[in-house]
């Protein structure tokens, strides 16, 4: 029963195989799931490919009651819901796109005394409504509220990179339902952010089970491409992606795996831009040059976003690349993303790490490229100056806003240092930012470890020279091709 220590022992490996179609747990997943089934509060920080969602989905299948999942990203909700429904798990969602009749049916099921719904996905904003809170009280009184799971939990903290005020109101759950276990999941939390999340939610540090995994993604190749402000870096990317397509075609033909119907040019990837106009223009430019690309941002209609997203997830012809704004985010669990490109400097270190981490979730080689130039540094400097001026005006009037501004400034400064550092492994730099004491393993999986002399030269010249890129391509540093 919710709120009590679980005394039953489930064959969770059997559920993993028969319901979720997976043969083995990833490292630490079993321990996290076992702690959840024991009725413990859990804080889980792990890299983007870890499989954090399974840690609250599997318990929801095998235990009694309803699991409420709070997520800030509609795309992430829809992706997880589609996978759960494919596994014949009763799941529902209430968000801005839920039809009135469907919403009514869901709410009636929740209050029926024994809901058929096992997982309910909602936004943090919906959790602040009086009506939903009244329904939660009914579910709790009926002893049907099994767990509260918070995805992207870093949004709770004012020191987090994607802070959303509605997330702070989630402290309601422990105040109102102290006996209901809670699970917090994130990929991007520094020690300060983690402590702030725990304090904000009112979790007991003496009993809380904290699981923190390495940020290291050894299959990802991190690279900074220094660009000149006077030169468009589109040609640099176009030459690279065409080179990947050409080598894939040769590789596939040489292994006699190709058929007349097989598409040889599909290399699924994401390009992140800061602005919608760049998003639209870049997708159109790539399409004109024969590269299948679709834009994805908040300004598109729901039907357009759904079409572009589903076509890309399904590897549909003409949907090879999603060009997305960093402000809107993606939250997509697509395993075979072979590259992630940041067209401009992102707004935070955490945002960069999380977005880059959407590459290579299948464990195979993938590349994370960031274009960086003086223009990015100047823009960041202007943003920091504006934040500093605003901070002086606000002072102590809005403490939370000021703290979030300070955090954003520190994170952006750290990202600039990461880009301009040509004297240390990229994997090690990322690990240090997130407080890892031991250096992550890097098997020549970054620009520094591949060729530190050429990297230093590229920075001095202010752009990634064609000679540098060509040399590395010949050595296979950027070739993430091969059979999937």
Protein backbone atom coordinates (compact mmCIF):
# COMPACT_ATOMS: atom_id res chain seq x y z
CA UNK A 1 0.00 0.00 0.00
CA UNK A 2 1.19 3.56 -0.64
CA UNK A 3 2.98 5.07 2.31
CA UNK A 4 4.08 1.73 3.77
CA UNK A 5 7.28 -0.22 3.33
CA UNK A 6 6.82 -2.80 0.62
CA UNK A 7 7.14 -6.34 1.92
CA UNK A 8 6.48 -8.14 -1.34
CA UNK A 9 9.31 -9.11 -3.68
CA UNK A 10 8.64 -8.79 -7.37
CA UNK A 11 10.46 -10.48 -10.20
CA UNK A 12 11.29 -7.15 -11.76
CA UNK A 13 13.59 -8.77 -14.32
CA UNK A 14 10.60 -10.74 -15.62
CA UNK A 15 8.59 -7.51 -15.93
CA UNK A 16 11.52 -5.85 -17.66
CA UNK A 17 11.55 -8.58 -20.32
CA UNK A 18 7.86 -9.26 -20.81
CA UNK A 19 6.45 -5.74 -20.50
CA UNK A 20 9.27 -3.41 -21.55
CA UNK A 21 11.01 -5.75 -23.98
CA UNK A 22 14.46 -5.27 -22.46
CA UNK A 23 16.76 -8.16 -21.56
CA UNK A 24 18.99 -6.53 -18.95
CA UNK A 25 19.00 -3.62 -16.55
CA UNK A 26 21.53 -0.90 -17.14
CA UNK A 27 24.01 -0.31 -14.29
CA UNK A 28 22.24 0.91 -11.12
CA UNK A 29 18.72 0.68 -12.59
CA UNK A 30 17.87 -2.39 -10.51
CA UNK A 31 19.05 -0.68 -7.31
CA UNK A 32 17.00 2.46 -8.03
CA UNK A 33 13.87 0.45 -8.85
CA UNK A 34 14.28 -1.70 -5.73
CA UNK A 35 14.55 1.43 -3.54
CA UNK A 36 11.39 2.78 -5.16
CA UNK A 37 9.52 -0.48 -4.55
CA UNK A 38 10.64 -0.35 -0.91
CA UNK A 39 8.69 2.89 -0.58
CA UNK A 40 11.74 5.15 -0.35
CA UNK A 41 12.05 8.71 -1.61
CA UNK A 42 14.62 8.66 -4.42
CA UNK A 43 16.81 11.31 -6.06
CA UNK A 44 18.28 10.06 -9.33
CA UNK A 45 20.89 11.98 -11.29
CA UNK A 46 22.19 10.19 -14.34
CA UNK A 47 23.31 10.87 -17.89
CA UNK A 48 20.69 11.29 -20.59
CA UNK A 49 21.10 7.75 -21.91
CA UNK A 50 20.70 6.04 -18.52
CA UNK A 51 17.00 5.22 -18.81
CA UNK A 52 15.67 7.24 -15.87
CA UNK A 53 12.03 6.93 -16.95
CA UNK A 54 12.12 3.14 -16.53
CA UNK A 55 12.90 3.69 -12.84
CA UNK A 56 9.41 5.05 -12.18
CA UNK A 57 7.57 3.28 -15.00
CA UNK A 58 8.44 -0.28 -13.97
CA UNK A 59 7.36 0.21 -10.31
CA UNK A 60 4.10 1.70 -11.60
CA UNK A 61 3.41 -1.53 -13.49
CA UNK A 62 4.12 -3.97 -10.66
CA UNK A 63 2.79 -2.10 -7.63
CA UNK A 64 -0.62 -1.02 -6.41
CA UNK A 65 -2.00 2.45 -7.19
CA UNK A 66 -1.43 5.46 -9.43
CA UNK A 67 1.91 7.07 -10.29
CA UNK A 68 1.73 10.77 -11.13
CA UNK A 69 4.54 11.86 -13.46
CA UNK A 70 5.29 15.58 -13.67
CA UNK A 71 7.17 16.70 -16.76
CA UNK A 72 7.83 20.14 -18.28
CA UNK A 73 8.11 18.94 -21.88
CA UNK A 74 5.06 18.00 -23.92
CA UNK A 75 7.20 16.25 -26.53
CA UNK A 76 8.85 14.13 -23.82
CA UNK A 77 5.45 13.23 -22.37
CA UNK A 78 4.08 12.17 -25.75
CA UNK A 79 7.17 10.10 -26.53
CA UNK A 80 7.02 8.20 -23.24
CA UNK A 81 3.25 7.74 -23.45
CA UNK A 82 3.49 6.28 -26.96
CA UNK A 83 6.09 3.75 -25.77
CA UNK A 84 3.99 2.78 -22.73
CA UNK A 85 0.87 2.29 -24.80
CA UNK A 86 2.81 0.15 -27.23
CA UNK A 87 3.62 -2.04 -24.19
CA UNK A 88 -0.11 -2.20 -23.29
CA UNK A 89 0.33 -0.13 -20.13
CA UNK A 90 -2.60 2.02 -19.06
CA UNK A 91 -1.30 5.57 -19.24
CA UNK A 92 -2.99 8.96 -19.55
CA UNK A 93 -1.99 12.60 -19.86
CA UNK A 94 -3.64 15.90 -19.07
CA UNK A 95 -2.09 18.90 -20.81
CA UNK A 96 -2.96 21.77 -23.13
CA UNK A 97 -3.68 19.40 -26.03
CA UNK A 98 -6.02 17.04 -24.13
CA UNK A 99 -9.58 17.17 -25.52
CA UNK A 100 -12.33 18.11 -22.99
CA UNK A 101 -14.12 14.76 -23.28
CA UNK A 102 -10.88 12.82 -22.82
CA UNK A 103 -9.96 14.98 -19.82
CA UNK A 104 -13.35 14.33 -18.25
CA UNK A 105 -13.00 10.57 -18.73
CA UNK A 106 -9.52 10.57 -17.19
CA UNK A 107 -10.62 12.52 -14.14
CA UNK A 108 -13.61 10.24 -13.60
CA UNK A 109 -11.37 7.17 -13.76
CA UNK A 110 -8.96 8.69 -11.21
CA UNK A 111 -11.78 9.15 -8.70
CA UNK A 112 -13.54 5.82 -9.23
CA UNK A 113 -11.94 4.11 -6.22
CA UNK A 114 -9.61 1.87 -8.21
CA UNK A 115 -8.24 3.70 -11.28
CA UNK A 116 -7.32 1.67 -14.31
CA UNK A 117 -4.72 4.32 -15.15
CA UNK A 118 -1.28 3.28 -13.88
CA UNK A 119 0.66 6.41 -14.87
CA UNK A 120 -0.71 9.93 -15.27
CA UNK A 121 1.50 12.50 -17.01
CA UNK A 122 0.84 16.15 -16.14
CA UNK A 123 2.61 19.51 -16.29
CA UNK A 124 3.78 21.32 -13.15
CA UNK A 125 1.34 24.12 -13.96
CA UNK A 126 -1.60 21.70 -13.89
CA UNK A 127 -0.48 20.54 -10.43
CA UNK A 128 -1.09 24.05 -9.09
CA UNK A 129 -4.81 24.02 -9.96
CA UNK A 130 -7.30 23.63 -7.11
CA UNK A 131 -9.40 21.13 -9.03
CA UNK A 132 -6.53 18.70 -9.60
CA UNK A 133 -5.40 19.01 -5.99
CA UNK A 134 -8.90 18.14 -4.82
CA UNK A 135 -8.84 15.05 -7.05
CA UNK A 136 -5.43 14.07 -5.67
CA UNK A 137 -6.80 14.26 -2.14
CA UNK A 138 -9.60 11.88 -3.13
CA UNK A 139 -7.12 9.45 -4.70
CA UNK A 140 -4.96 9.61 -1.58
CA UNK A 141 -7.91 9.04 0.73
CA UNK A 142 -8.75 5.95 -1.31
CA UNK A 143 -5.11 4.82 -0.82
CA UNK A 144 -4.52 4.79 -4.54
CA UNK A 145 -1.73 7.39 -4.78
CA UNK A 146 1.40 5.25 -5.11
CA UNK A 147 4.14 7.67 -6.15
CA UNK A 148 4.98 11.16 -7.38
CA UNK A 149 7.70 11.17 -10.06
CA UNK A 150 9.27 14.45 -11.16
CA UNK A 151 11.10 14.38 -14.47
CA UNK A 152 13.63 17.13 -15.34
CA UNK A 153 13.77 17.92 -11.62
CA UNK A 154 16.44 20.59 -12.08
CA UNK A 155 13.58 22.90 -13.13
CA UNK A 156 12.62 23.05 -9.43
CA UNK A 157 15.75 24.93 -8.44
CA UNK A 158 16.24 28.64 -8.96
CA UNK A 159 19.90 27.71 -9.48
CA UNK A 160 18.89 25.34 -12.29
CA UNK A 161 19.21 26.25 -15.96
CA UNK A 162 15.54 25.75 -16.84
CA UNK A 163 13.89 27.04 -13.67
CA UNK A 164 10.08 27.22 -13.91
CA UNK A 165 8.17 28.87 -11.05
CA UNK A 166 5.38 26.27 -11.12
CA UNK A 167 7.92 23.62 -10.16
CA UNK A 168 8.50 25.24 -6.77
CA UNK A 169 4.81 24.70 -5.98
CA UNK A 170 5.47 20.93 -6.07
CA UNK A 171 6.42 21.27 -2.41
CA UNK A 172 2.66 20.81 -2.00
CA UNK A 173 3.02 17.04 -2.36
CA UNK A 174 5.18 16.33 0.70
CA UNK A 175 3.20 18.80 2.81
CA UNK A 176 -0.13 17.27 1.81
CA UNK A 177 0.88 13.62 1.32
CA UNK A 178 4.00 12.97 3.45
CA UNK A 179 3.51 9.21 3.25
CA UNK A 180 3.59 9.05 -0.58
CA UNK A 181 7.06 8.23 -2.01
CA UNK A 182 8.62 10.71 -4.39
CA UNK A 183 11.20 10.22 -7.15
CA UNK A 184 13.19 13.10 -8.67
CA UNK A 185 15.03 12.52 -11.94
CA UNK A 186 17.50 14.78 -13.73
CA UNK A 187 20.60 14.62 -15.90
CA UNK A 188 21.89 18.09 -15.10
CA UNK A 189 22.23 19.01 -11.45
CA UNK A 190 25.28 20.42 -9.74
CA UNK A 191 25.65 19.82 -5.98
CA UNK A 192 24.03 23.19 -5.24
CA UNK A 193 21.07 22.46 -7.52
CA UNK A 194 20.59 19.00 -5.98
CA UNK A 195 20.55 20.42 -2.46
CA UNK A 196 18.10 23.12 -3.49
CA UNK A 197 15.73 20.56 -5.06
CA UNK A 198 15.76 18.41 -1.92
CA UNK A 199 15.15 21.40 0.36
CA UNK A 200 12.41 22.88 -1.83
CA UNK A 201 10.46 19.62 -1.95
CA UNK A 202 10.88 19.04 1.78
CA UNK A 203 12.53 15.63 1.38
CA UNK A 204 14.12 14.05 4.45
CA UNK A 205 17.87 13.94 3.86
CA UNK A 206 18.27 11.22 6.52
CA UNK A 207 16.13 8.69 4.66
CA UNK A 208 16.37 9.91 1.06
CA UNK A 209 18.10 7.49 -1.32
CA UNK A 210 20.42 9.48 -3.58
CA UNK A 211 21.80 7.88 -6.74
CA UNK A 212 24.30 9.90 -8.77
CA UNK A 213 25.88 8.38 -11.84
CA UNK A 214 28.78 9.65 -13.92
CA UNK A 215 28.13 12.28 -16.56
CA UNK A 216 30.58 10.48 -18.83
CA UNK A 217 29.32 9.42 -22.26
CA UNK A 218 32.42 7.74 -23.76
CA UNK A 219 30.68 7.05 -27.09
CA UNK A 220 30.20 10.78 -27.72
CA UNK A 221 32.87 12.78 -29.52
CA UNK A 222 32.84 16.41 -28.33
CA UNK A 223 34.21 19.06 -30.66
CA UNK A 224 34.35 22.85 -30.80
CA UNK A 225 34.53 24.35 -34.29
CA UNK A 226 35.89 27.87 -34.02
CA UNK A 227 34.26 30.06 -36.64
CA UNK A 228 34.93 33.47 -38.07
CA UNK A 229 32.19 36.06 -37.64
CA UNK A 230 32.79 37.13 -41.23
CA UNK A 231 32.29 33.66 -42.67
CA UNK A 232 29.08 31.63 -42.78
CA UNK A 233 29.70 28.19 -41.27
CA UNK A 234 26.90 26.59 -43.29
CA UNK A 235 29.31 25.41 -45.99
CA UNK A 236 31.49 23.79 -43.33
CA UNK A 237 28.56 21.74 -42.03
CA UNK A 238 27.22 20.92 -45.52
CA UNK A 239 30.59 19.57 -46.62
CA UNK A 240 30.82 17.47 -43.45
CA UNK A 241 27.34 15.93 -43.71
CA UNK A 242 27.77 15.19 -47.41
CA UNK A 243 31.06 13.50 -46.63
CA UNK A 244 29.31 11.31 -44.04
CA UNK A 245 26.62 10.38 -46.57
CA UNK A 246 29.21 9.50 -49.21
CA UNK A 247 31.22 7.29 -46.86
CA UNK A 248 28.06 5.56 -45.63
CA UNK A 249 27.06 4.76 -49.20
CA UNK A 250 30.47 3.28 -49.96
CA UNK A 251 30.57 1.34 -46.69
CA UNK A 252 27.11 -0.11 -47.21
CA UNK A 253 27.80 -1.14 -50.80
CA UNK A 254 31.11 -2.74 -49.83
CA UNK A 255 29.38 -4.96 -47.29
CA UNK A 256 26.67 -5.85 -49.82
CA UNK A 257 23.90 -4.86 -47.42
CA UNK A 258 22.26 -2.32 -49.69
CA UNK A 259 19.11 -2.93 -51.67
CA UNK A 260 17.53 -0.78 -54.33
CA UNK A 261 15.02 0.46 -51.77
CA UNK A 262 17.50 1.19 -48.99
CA UNK A 263 18.24 4.82 -48.24
CA UNK A 264 21.95 5.32 -47.86
CA UNK A 265 21.91 8.97 -46.83
CA UNK A 266 19.87 8.79 -43.64
CA UNK A 267 22.00 10.00 -40.75
CA UNK A 268 19.58 11.10 -38.01
CA UNK A 269 20.66 14.26 -36.27
CA UNK A 270 19.63 17.42 -34.44
CA UNK A 271 20.77 20.98 -35.05
CA UNK A 272 20.00 23.48 -32.29
CA UNK A 273 19.60 27.18 -33.02
CA UNK A 274 18.81 30.04 -30.65
CA UNK A 275 16.25 31.77 -32.85
CA UNK A 276 13.20 30.66 -34.81
CA UNK A 277 14.28 32.59 -37.89
CA UNK A 278 17.56 30.64 -37.97
CA UNK A 279 15.66 27.42 -37.37
CA UNK A 280 13.36 27.98 -40.36
CA UNK A 281 16.07 29.35 -42.65
CA UNK A 282 18.55 26.56 -41.91
CA UNK A 283 15.98 23.78 -42.44
CA UNK A 284 14.95 25.36 -45.77
CA UNK A 285 18.56 25.79 -46.86
CA UNK A 286 19.44 22.18 -46.12
CA UNK A 287 16.34 20.94 -47.95
CA UNK A 288 17.30 23.01 -51.00
CA UNK A 289 20.72 21.34 -50.94
CA UNK A 290 19.18 17.87 -50.86
CA UNK A 291 19.46 17.19 -47.13
CA UNK A 292 16.18 16.13 -45.50
CA UNK A 293 15.55 18.65 -42.70
CA UNK A 294 12.49 19.88 -40.82
CA UNK A 295 12.10 22.80 -38.36
CA UNK A 296 10.75 22.25 -34.87
CA UNK A 297 9.85 25.16 -32.59
CA UNK A 298 7.01 26.56 -30.51
CA UNK A 299 5.71 28.74 -33.34
CA UNK A 300 4.64 25.77 -35.49
CA UNK A 301 1.13 24.39 -35.38
CA UNK A 302 0.51 21.21 -33.40
CA UNK A 303 -0.02 19.25 -36.62
CA UNK A 304 3.27 20.51 -38.08
CA UNK A 305 5.22 19.71 -34.94
CA UNK A 306 3.68 16.24 -34.75
CA UNK A 307 4.39 15.53 -38.42
CA UNK A 308 8.00 16.70 -38.24
CA UNK A 309 8.68 14.89 -34.99
CA UNK A 310 7.04 11.59 -35.91
CA UNK A 311 8.66 11.55 -39.35
CA UNK A 312 12.06 12.09 -37.81
CA UNK A 313 11.59 9.46 -35.08
CA UNK A 314 10.47 6.96 -37.75
CA UNK A 315 13.49 7.73 -40.01
CA UNK A 316 11.11 8.79 -42.75
CA UNK A 317 12.63 9.98 -46.02
CA UNK A 318 13.13 13.73 -45.97
CA UNK A 319 13.15 13.87 -42.16
CA UNK A 320 16.83 13.12 -41.49
CA UNK A 321 17.56 16.24 -39.45
CA UNK A 322 15.45 18.15 -36.94
CA UNK A 323 16.43 21.81 -36.66
CA UNK A 324 15.13 22.94 -33.27
CA UNK A 325 15.29 26.01 -31.08
CA UNK A 326 17.07 25.53 -27.78
CA UNK A 327 14.39 27.57 -26.02
CA UNK A 328 11.68 25.11 -26.98
CA UNK A 329 13.69 21.98 -26.30
CA UNK A 330 13.05 18.47 -27.55
CA UNK A 331 12.91 15.85 -24.82
CA UNK A 332 12.93 13.05 -27.34
CA UNK A 333 14.13 9.53 -26.63
CA UNK A 334 15.42 8.51 -30.08
CA UNK A 335 18.24 6.03 -29.80
CA UNK A 336 20.02 6.35 -33.16
CA UNK A 337 20.78 10.09 -33.24
CA UNK A 338 24.23 10.18 -34.80
CA UNK A 339 25.02 13.86 -34.29
CA UNK A 340 23.94 16.94 -32.38
CA UNK A 341 25.09 20.34 -33.60
CA UNK A 342 24.82 23.63 -31.75
CA UNK A 343 24.67 26.32 -34.42
CA UNK A 344 25.36 29.01 -31.82
CA UNK A 345 26.51 29.03 -28.21
CA UNK A 346 23.68 27.67 -25.98
CA UNK A 347 22.39 29.68 -23.03
CA UNK A 348 23.85 27.44 -20.32
CA UNK A 349 26.35 24.66 -19.67
CA UNK A 350 23.58 22.36 -18.47
CA UNK A 351 21.51 23.06 -21.57
CA UNK A 352 24.48 22.20 -23.78
CA UNK A 353 25.15 18.93 -21.94
CA UNK A 354 21.51 17.86 -21.96
CA UNK A 355 20.99 18.68 -25.63
CA UNK A 356 24.28 17.10 -26.72
CA UNK A 357 23.33 14.03 -24.68
CA UNK A 358 20.49 13.25 -27.04
CA UNK A 359 23.09 11.80 -29.40
CA UNK A 360 24.18 8.18 -29.29
CA UNK A 361 21.67 6.78 -26.81
CA UNK A 362 22.13 3.40 -28.47
CA UNK A 363 25.72 3.34 -27.19
CA UNK A 364 27.21 3.66 -30.68
CA UNK A 365 29.55 6.43 -31.80
CA UNK A 366 28.03 9.89 -32.22
CA UNK A 367 29.41 13.39 -32.49
CA UNK A 368 28.51 16.62 -30.67
CA UNK A 369 29.66 19.72 -32.52
CA UNK A 370 29.44 23.29 -31.28
CA UNK A 371 30.19 26.25 -33.55
CA UNK A 372 31.75 29.05 -31.53
CA UNK A 373 33.08 32.48 -32.45
CA UNK A 374 33.71 35.98 -31.17
CA UNK A 375 30.10 36.87 -31.91
CA UNK A 376 28.94 34.23 -29.39
CA UNK A 377 31.33 35.55 -26.76
CA UNK A 378 30.19 39.15 -27.34
CA UNK A 379 26.52 38.16 -27.18
CA UNK A 380 27.12 36.28 -23.95
CA UNK A 381 29.01 39.26 -22.52
CA UNK A 382 26.08 41.55 -23.34
CA UNK A 383 23.63 39.15 -21.67
CA UNK A 384 25.80 39.01 -18.55
CA UNK A 385 26.02 42.80 -18.36
CA UNK A 386 22.25 43.13 -18.68
CA UNK A 387 21.72 40.52 -15.97
CA UNK A 388 24.19 42.32 -13.71
CA UNK A 389 22.40 45.65 -14.22
CA UNK A 390 19.02 44.06 -13.57
CA UNK A 391 20.37 42.36 -10.44
CA UNK A 392 21.45 45.72 -9.03
CA UNK A 393 17.96 47.12 -9.66
CA UNK A 394 16.15 44.17 -8.12
CA UNK A 395 18.54 43.66 -5.19
CA UNK A 396 16.55 41.82 -2.51
CA UNK A 397 13.09 42.54 -3.90
CA UNK A 398 12.86 39.30 -5.85
CA UNK A 399 15.39 36.92 -4.32
CA UNK A 400 14.42 33.94 -6.47
CA UNK A 401 14.75 35.90 -9.72
CA UNK A 402 18.13 37.27 -8.67
CA UNK A 403 19.44 33.81 -7.72
CA UNK A 404 18.31 32.39 -11.05
CA UNK A 405 20.04 35.23 -12.90
CA UNK A 406 23.25 34.61 -10.94
CA UNK A 407 23.08 30.91 -11.73
CA UNK A 408 22.50 31.56 -15.42
CA UNK A 409 25.44 33.95 -15.50
CA UNK A 410 27.78 31.47 -13.82
CA UNK A 411 26.67 28.65 -16.11
CA UNK A 412 27.16 30.74 -19.24
CA UNK A 413 30.60 31.85 -18.11
CA UNK A 414 31.53 28.20 -17.49
CA UNK A 415 30.36 27.29 -21.01
CA UNK A 416 32.49 30.03 -22.56
CA UNK A 417 35.51 28.75 -20.64
CA UNK A 418 34.72 25.23 -21.86
CA UNK A 419 34.68 26.41 -25.48
CA UNK A 420 37.89 28.40 -25.21
CA UNK A 421 39.81 25.79 -23.21
CA UNK A 422 42.14 24.04 -25.63
CA UNK A 423 44.33 22.51 -22.93
CA UNK A 424 42.21 19.74 -21.46
CA UNK A 425 39.97 16.80 -22.44
CA UNK A 426 36.35 17.84 -23.10
CA UNK A 427 34.98 14.86 -21.16
CA UNK A 428 37.08 15.86 -18.15
CA UNK A 429 35.87 19.46 -18.37
CA UNK A 430 32.25 18.32 -18.35
CA UNK A 431 32.88 15.99 -15.42
CA UNK A 432 34.56 18.76 -13.44
CA UNK A 433 31.64 21.12 -13.99
CA UNK A 434 29.23 18.58 -12.52
CA UNK A 435 31.53 17.89 -9.58
CA UNK A 436 33.00 14.51 -10.53
CA UNK A 437 36.22 13.84 -8.66
CA UNK A 438 37.58 11.22 -11.07
CA UNK A 439 38.36 12.02 -14.68
CA UNK A 440 35.93 10.36 -17.14
CA UNK A 441 37.38 7.95 -19.69
CA UNK A 442 38.08 9.43 -23.13
CA UNK A 443 39.35 7.17 -25.89
CA UNK A 444 40.32 9.98 -28.25
CA UNK A 445 36.67 11.02 -28.11
CA UNK A 446 37.16 14.79 -28.19
CA UNK A 447 38.99 17.37 -30.27
CA UNK A 448 41.70 17.90 -27.63
CA UNK A 449 42.56 14.22 -27.25
CA UNK A 450 42.51 13.73 -31.03
CA UNK A 451 44.92 16.52 -31.90
CA UNK A 452 45.70 19.18 -29.29
CA UNK A 453 48.13 21.04 -31.56
CA UNK A 454 45.59 21.41 -34.37
CA UNK A 455 42.91 22.42 -31.87
CA UNK A 456 45.08 25.20 -30.47
CA UNK A 457 45.83 26.40 -33.99
CA UNK A 458 42.14 26.38 -34.89
CA UNK A 459 41.36 28.59 -31.93
CA UNK A 460 44.16 31.00 -32.78
CA UNK A 461 42.86 31.34 -36.33
CA UNK A 462 39.36 31.93 -35.03
CA UNK A 463 37.73 29.18 -37.04
CA UNK A 464 37.94 25.46 -37.73
CA UNK A 465 40.09 25.44 -40.85
CA UNK A 466 39.22 23.21 -43.74
CA UNK A 467 42.65 21.57 -43.38
CA UNK A 468 41.84 20.68 -39.75
CA UNK A 469 38.41 19.26 -40.58
CA UNK A 470 39.73 17.41 -43.62
CA UNK A 471 42.58 15.84 -41.64
CA UNK A 472 40.24 14.66 -38.92
CA UNK A 473 37.75 13.25 -41.42
CA UNK A 474 40.53 11.21 -43.02
CA UNK A 475 41.40 9.84 -39.58
CA UNK A 476 37.77 8.93 -38.92
CA UNK A 477 37.19 11.35 -36.05
CA UNK A 478 33.87 12.51 -37.42
CA UNK A 479 32.65 9.42 -39.20
CA UNK A 480 29.75 8.03 -37.22
CA UNK A 481 28.61 5.95 -40.13
CA UNK A 482 28.20 2.22 -40.30
CA UNK A 483 25.27 -0.10 -39.94
CA UNK A 484 22.64 0.56 -37.29
